[in-house]
Amino acid sequence: MYVVTVEFLIRAEHLEAFRARVRQQAADSLRLEEACSRFDVCVDPDAENRVFLYEVYDTREAFELHLASPHFKAFDAEVAEWVIEKRVQSFQRLAP
């Protein structure tokens, strides 16, 4: 399994719009991408403008297809100006 984490720092004036849009992105990814098995949207209880994503794909190639998908490209373009900082990390999941 290929795991991706994304940490966003969002401009305060766009926080509610971002949260709604990222929840839609998670739902779209799970619905439209067979190789996406998990897409959690988390928020920091001590910093409301910090949003953390935990995504699980079957393979790295599946994640690359995610990045090329129309729904991801639309999300990324829409929220670009709302984001102060974005940090992406990837991991290979070991057996549980």
N, C-alpha and C. Protein backbone atom coordinates (compact mmCIF):
# COMPACT_ATOMS: atom_id res chain seq x y z
N MET A 1 0.83 -1.18 0.00
CA MET A 1 0.00 0.00 0.00
C MET A 1 0.88 1.25 0.00
N TYR A 2 0.40 2.26 -0.67
CA TYR A 2 1.12 3.52 -0.79
C TYR A 2 0.33 4.57 -0.01
N VAL A 3 0.98 5.19 0.97
CA VAL A 3 0.33 6.15 1.85
C VAL A 3 0.85 7.55 1.56
N VAL A 4 -0.05 8.48 1.48
CA VAL A 4 0.30 9.89 1.26
C VAL A 4 -0.32 10.71 2.38
N THR A 5 0.49 11.60 2.95
CA THR A 5 -0.03 12.55 3.92
C THR A 5 0.19 13.95 3.36
N VAL A 6 -0.78 14.79 3.60
CA VAL A 6 -0.69 16.18 3.15
C VAL A 6 -1.09 17.06 4.33
N GLU A 7 -0.26 18.04 4.62
CA GLU A 7 -0.58 18.99 5.68
C GLU A 7 -0.73 20.37 5.04
N PHE A 8 -1.88 20.98 5.27
CA PHE A 8 -2.17 22.31 4.74
C PHE A 8 -2.24 23.31 5.88
N LEU A 9 -1.80 24.51 5.61
CA LEU A 9 -2.07 25.66 6.45
C LEU A 9 -2.91 26.60 5.59
N ILE A 10 -4.12 26.91 6.04
CA ILE A 10 -5.11 27.60 5.21
C ILE A 10 -5.32 29.02 5.71
N ARG A 11 -5.49 29.94 4.77
CA ARG A 11 -5.80 31.33 5.11
C ARG A 11 -7.16 31.37 5.83
N ALA A 12 -7.22 32.09 6.93
CA ALA A 12 -8.40 32.10 7.80
C ALA A 12 -9.68 32.44 7.05
N GLU A 13 -9.61 33.39 6.14
CA GLU A 13 -10.81 33.82 5.42
C GLU A 13 -11.35 32.76 4.46
N HIS A 14 -10.57 31.72 4.20
CA HIS A 14 -10.99 30.66 3.27
C HIS A 14 -11.19 29.32 3.98
N LEU A 15 -11.10 29.31 5.28
CA LEU A 15 -11.11 28.06 6.03
C LEU A 15 -12.38 27.24 5.81
N GLU A 16 -13.53 27.84 5.95
CA GLU A 16 -14.78 27.08 5.79
C GLU A 16 -14.94 26.57 4.36
N ALA A 17 -14.61 27.40 3.38
CA ALA A 17 -14.70 26.97 1.98
C ALA A 17 -13.72 25.83 1.70
N PHE A 18 -12.52 25.94 2.27
CA PHE A 18 -11.54 24.88 2.06
C PHE A 18 -12.02 23.57 2.68
N ARG A 19 -12.51 23.64 3.90
CA ARG A 19 -12.98 22.42 4.56
C ARG A 19 -14.09 21.73 3.77
N ALA A 20 -15.00 22.50 3.25
CA ALA A 20 -16.08 21.92 2.44
C ALA A 20 -15.52 21.31 1.16
N ARG A 21 -14.61 22.04 0.54
CA ARG A 21 -14.06 21.57 -0.75
C ARG A 21 -13.18 20.34 -0.56
N VAL A 22 -12.39 20.27 0.50
CA VAL A 22 -11.52 19.11 0.70
C VAL A 22 -12.35 17.88 1.08
N ARG A 23 -13.46 18.08 1.79
CA ARG A 23 -14.34 16.94 2.07
C ARG A 23 -14.95 16.40 0.78
N GLN A 24 -15.30 17.29 -0.13
CA GLN A 24 -15.81 16.85 -1.44
C GLN A 24 -14.72 16.11 -2.21
N GLN A 25 -13.50 16.62 -2.15
CA GLN A 25 -12.38 15.96 -2.83
C GLN A 25 -12.17 14.55 -2.29
N ALA A 26 -12.26 14.38 -0.99
CA ALA A 26 -12.11 13.05 -0.39
C ALA A 26 -13.20 12.12 -0.90
N ALA A 27 -14.43 12.58 -0.89
CA ALA A 27 -15.55 11.76 -1.36
C ALA A 27 -15.38 11.40 -2.84
N ASP A 28 -14.97 12.37 -3.65
CA ASP A 28 -14.75 12.11 -5.08
C ASP A 28 -13.66 11.08 -5.29
N SER A 29 -12.57 11.20 -4.55
CA SER A 29 -11.46 10.27 -4.71
C SER A 29 -11.89 8.85 -4.35
N LEU A 30 -12.62 8.70 -3.25
CA LEU A 30 -13.07 7.36 -2.85
C LEU A 30 -14.09 6.80 -3.83
N ARG A 31 -14.93 7.65 -4.37
CA ARG A 31 -15.98 7.19 -5.29
C ARG A 31 -15.45 6.89 -6.69
N LEU A 32 -14.53 7.72 -7.17
CA LEU A 32 -14.08 7.62 -8.56
C LEU A 32 -12.81 6.81 -8.77
N GLU A 33 -12.07 6.56 -7.71
CA GLU A 33 -10.78 5.89 -7.86
C GLU A 33 -10.81 4.56 -7.10
N GLU A 34 -10.90 3.49 -7.85
CA GLU A 34 -10.97 2.15 -7.26
C GLU A 34 -9.75 1.84 -6.39
N ALA A 35 -8.59 2.38 -6.76
CA ALA A 35 -7.34 2.09 -6.04
C ALA A 35 -7.10 3.02 -4.85
N CYS A 36 -8.05 3.89 -4.54
CA CYS A 36 -7.97 4.74 -3.34
C CYS A 36 -8.88 4.12 -2.28
N SER A 37 -8.26 3.59 -1.23
CA SER A 37 -9.05 2.88 -0.22
C SER A 37 -9.31 3.69 1.04
N ARG A 38 -8.61 4.81 1.20
CA ARG A 38 -8.82 5.64 2.40
C ARG A 38 -8.45 7.08 2.06
N PHE A 39 -9.26 8.00 2.55
CA PHE A 39 -8.98 9.43 2.35
C PHE A 39 -9.59 10.17 3.52
N ASP A 40 -8.80 10.28 4.59
CA ASP A 40 -9.26 10.94 5.81
C ASP A 40 -8.89 12.42 5.80
N VAL A 41 -9.84 13.25 6.20
CA VAL A 41 -9.61 14.68 6.36
C VAL A 41 -9.64 14.96 7.86
N CYS A 42 -8.54 15.50 8.38
CA CYS A 42 -8.41 15.74 9.82
C CYS A 42 -8.08 17.21 10.05
N VAL A 43 -8.48 17.71 11.22
CA VAL A 43 -8.15 19.08 11.58
C VAL A 43 -7.46 19.09 12.94
N ASP A 44 -6.59 20.05 13.12
CA ASP A 44 -5.86 20.22 14.37
C ASP A 44 -6.77 20.95 15.35
N PRO A 45 -7.11 20.33 16.50
CA PRO A 45 -8.01 21.01 17.44
C PRO A 45 -7.41 22.26 18.06
N ASP A 46 -6.10 22.41 17.98
CA ASP A 46 -5.44 23.59 18.56
C ASP A 46 -5.06 24.64 17.52
N ALA A 47 -5.25 24.33 16.25
CA ALA A 47 -4.93 25.27 15.16
C ALA A 47 -5.93 25.00 14.04
N GLU A 48 -7.06 25.69 14.09
CA GLU A 48 -8.17 25.37 13.19
C GLU A 48 -7.84 25.52 11.71
N ASN A 49 -6.78 26.25 11.39
CA ASN A 49 -6.44 26.41 9.98
C ASN A 49 -5.42 25.38 9.49
N ARG A 50 -5.12 24.39 10.32
CA ARG A 50 -4.23 23.29 9.92
C ARG A 50 -5.09 22.07 9.60
N VAL A 51 -4.96 21.60 8.36
CA VAL A 51 -5.74 20.46 7.88
C VAL A 51 -4.76 19.38 7.43
N PHE A 52 -5.06 18.14 7.83
CA PHE A 52 -4.17 17.02 7.56
C PHE A 52 -4.95 15.95 6.80
N LEU A 53 -4.39 15.47 5.70
CA LEU A 53 -5.00 14.39 4.92
C LEU A 53 -4.18 13.12 5.07
N TYR A 54 -4.86 12.00 5.17
CA TYR A 54 -4.23 10.68 5.19
C TYR A 54 -4.91 9.86 4.10
N GLU A 55 -4.12 9.53 3.07
CA GLU A 55 -4.67 8.86 1.90
C GLU A 55 -3.93 7.54 1.68
N VAL A 56 -4.68 6.51 1.28
CA VAL A 56 -4.08 5.20 1.02
C VAL A 56 -4.49 4.74 -0.39
N TYR A 57 -3.48 4.40 -1.16
CA TYR A 57 -3.66 3.91 -2.53
C TYR A 57 -3.04 2.52 -2.65
N ASP A 58 -3.51 1.76 -3.61
CA ASP A 58 -2.95 0.42 -3.81
C ASP A 58 -1.47 0.47 -4.17
N THR A 59 -1.09 1.44 -5.00
CA THR A 59 0.28 1.55 -5.50
C THR A 59 0.64 3.02 -5.70
N ARG A 60 1.91 3.26 -5.91
CA ARG A 60 2.36 4.61 -6.24
C ARG A 60 1.75 5.07 -7.57
N GLU A 61 1.65 4.15 -8.50
CA GLU A 61 1.06 4.48 -9.80
C GLU A 61 -0.40 4.92 -9.65
N ALA A 62 -1.11 4.30 -8.72
CA ALA A 62 -2.50 4.70 -8.47
C ALA A 62 -2.55 6.14 -7.95
N PHE A 63 -1.59 6.50 -7.10
CA PHE A 63 -1.54 7.89 -6.63
C PHE A 63 -1.21 8.84 -7.78
N GLU A 64 -0.32 8.44 -8.66
CA GLU A 64 0.01 9.28 -9.82
C GLU A 64 -1.22 9.48 -10.71
N LEU A 65 -2.04 8.44 -10.85
CA LEU A 65 -3.30 8.59 -11.59
C LEU A 65 -4.24 9.55 -10.87
N HIS A 66 -4.24 9.49 -9.55
CA HIS A 66 -5.03 10.44 -8.76
C HIS A 66 -4.62 11.88 -9.09
N LEU A 67 -3.31 12.13 -9.12
CA LEU A 67 -2.82 13.49 -9.41
C LEU A 67 -3.20 13.95 -10.81
N ALA A 68 -3.37 13.02 -11.73
CA ALA A 68 -3.72 13.36 -13.11
C ALA A 68 -5.22 13.43 -13.35
N SER A 69 -6.01 13.07 -12.33
CA SER A 69 -7.47 13.00 -12.51
C SER A 69 -8.08 14.40 -12.63
N PRO A 70 -9.16 14.52 -13.40
CA PRO A 70 -9.83 15.82 -13.52
C PRO A 70 -10.33 16.36 -12.18
N HIS A 71 -10.83 15.50 -11.31
CA HIS A 71 -11.35 16.00 -10.03
C HIS A 71 -10.23 16.53 -9.15
N PHE A 72 -9.04 15.89 -9.17
CA PHE A 72 -7.92 16.43 -8.39
C PHE A 72 -7.44 17.75 -8.98
N LYS A 73 -7.29 17.81 -10.29
CA LYS A 73 -6.81 19.04 -10.93
C LYS A 73 -7.75 20.21 -10.64
N ALA A 74 -9.05 19.95 -10.65
CA ALA A 74 -10.03 21.01 -10.35
C ALA A 74 -9.89 21.47 -8.90
N PHE A 75 -9.77 20.51 -7.97
CA PHE A 75 -9.59 20.84 -6.56
C PHE A 75 -8.33 21.66 -6.35
N ASP A 76 -7.22 21.19 -6.90
CA ASP A 76 -5.93 21.85 -6.70
C ASP A 76 -5.95 23.29 -7.21
N ALA A 77 -6.55 23.50 -8.37
CA ALA A 77 -6.63 24.85 -8.93
C ALA A 77 -7.55 25.75 -8.09
N GLU A 78 -8.66 25.19 -7.63
CA GLU A 78 -9.62 26.00 -6.87
C GLU A 78 -9.06 26.46 -5.53
N VAL A 79 -8.31 25.62 -4.84
CA VAL A 79 -7.85 25.96 -3.49
C VAL A 79 -6.47 26.60 -3.45
N ALA A 80 -5.80 26.68 -4.56
CA ALA A 80 -4.40 27.15 -4.58
C ALA A 80 -4.20 28.48 -3.86
N GLU A 81 -5.08 29.43 -4.06
CA GLU A 81 -4.93 30.75 -3.44
C GLU A 81 -5.32 30.76 -1.96
N TRP A 82 -5.98 29.71 -1.52
CA TRP A 82 -6.43 29.62 -0.12
C TRP A 82 -5.34 29.08 0.80
N VAL A 83 -4.31 28.48 0.19
CA VAL A 83 -3.29 27.74 0.93
C VAL A 83 -2.08 28.63 1.22
N ILE A 84 -1.70 28.67 2.49
CA ILE A 84 -0.47 29.37 2.89
C ILE A 84 0.72 28.44 2.71
N GLU A 85 0.52 27.20 3.10
CA GLU A 85 1.61 26.21 3.06
C GLU A 85 1.02 24.84 2.82
N LYS A 86 1.77 24.01 2.08
CA LYS A 86 1.33 22.64 1.79
C LYS A 86 2.55 21.73 1.86
N ARG A 87 2.44 20.66 2.62
CA ARG A 87 3.55 19.71 2.76
C ARG A 87 3.03 18.31 2.45
N VAL A 88 3.64 17.66 1.46
CA VAL A 88 3.23 16.33 1.03
C VAL A 88 4.35 15.35 1.35
N GLN A 89 3.97 14.22 1.95
CA GLN A 89 4.91 13.14 2.22
C GLN A 89 4.30 11.83 1.76
N SER A 90 5.14 10.89 1.38
CA SER A 90 4.64 9.58 0.99
C SER A 90 5.42 8.49 1.69
N PHE A 91 4.73 7.36 1.88
CA PHE A 91 5.27 6.24 2.63
C PHE A 91 4.82 4.93 1.98
N GLN A 92 5.62 3.92 2.16
CA GLN A 92 5.21 2.57 1.80
C GLN A 92 4.76 1.89 3.07
N ARG A 93 3.51 1.42 3.11
CA ARG A 93 2.98 0.81 4.32
C ARG A 93 3.50 -0.61 4.48
N LEU A 94 3.99 -0.92 5.66
CA LEU A 94 4.41 -2.28 5.97
C LEU A 94 3.19 -3.08 6.44
N ALA A 95 3.32 -4.35 6.51
CA ALA A 95 2.22 -5.19 6.97
C ALA A 95 1.78 -4.76 8.36
N PRO A 96 0.46 -4.84 8.62
CA PRO A 96 -0.04 -4.43 9.95
C PRO A 96 0.46 -5.35 11.06
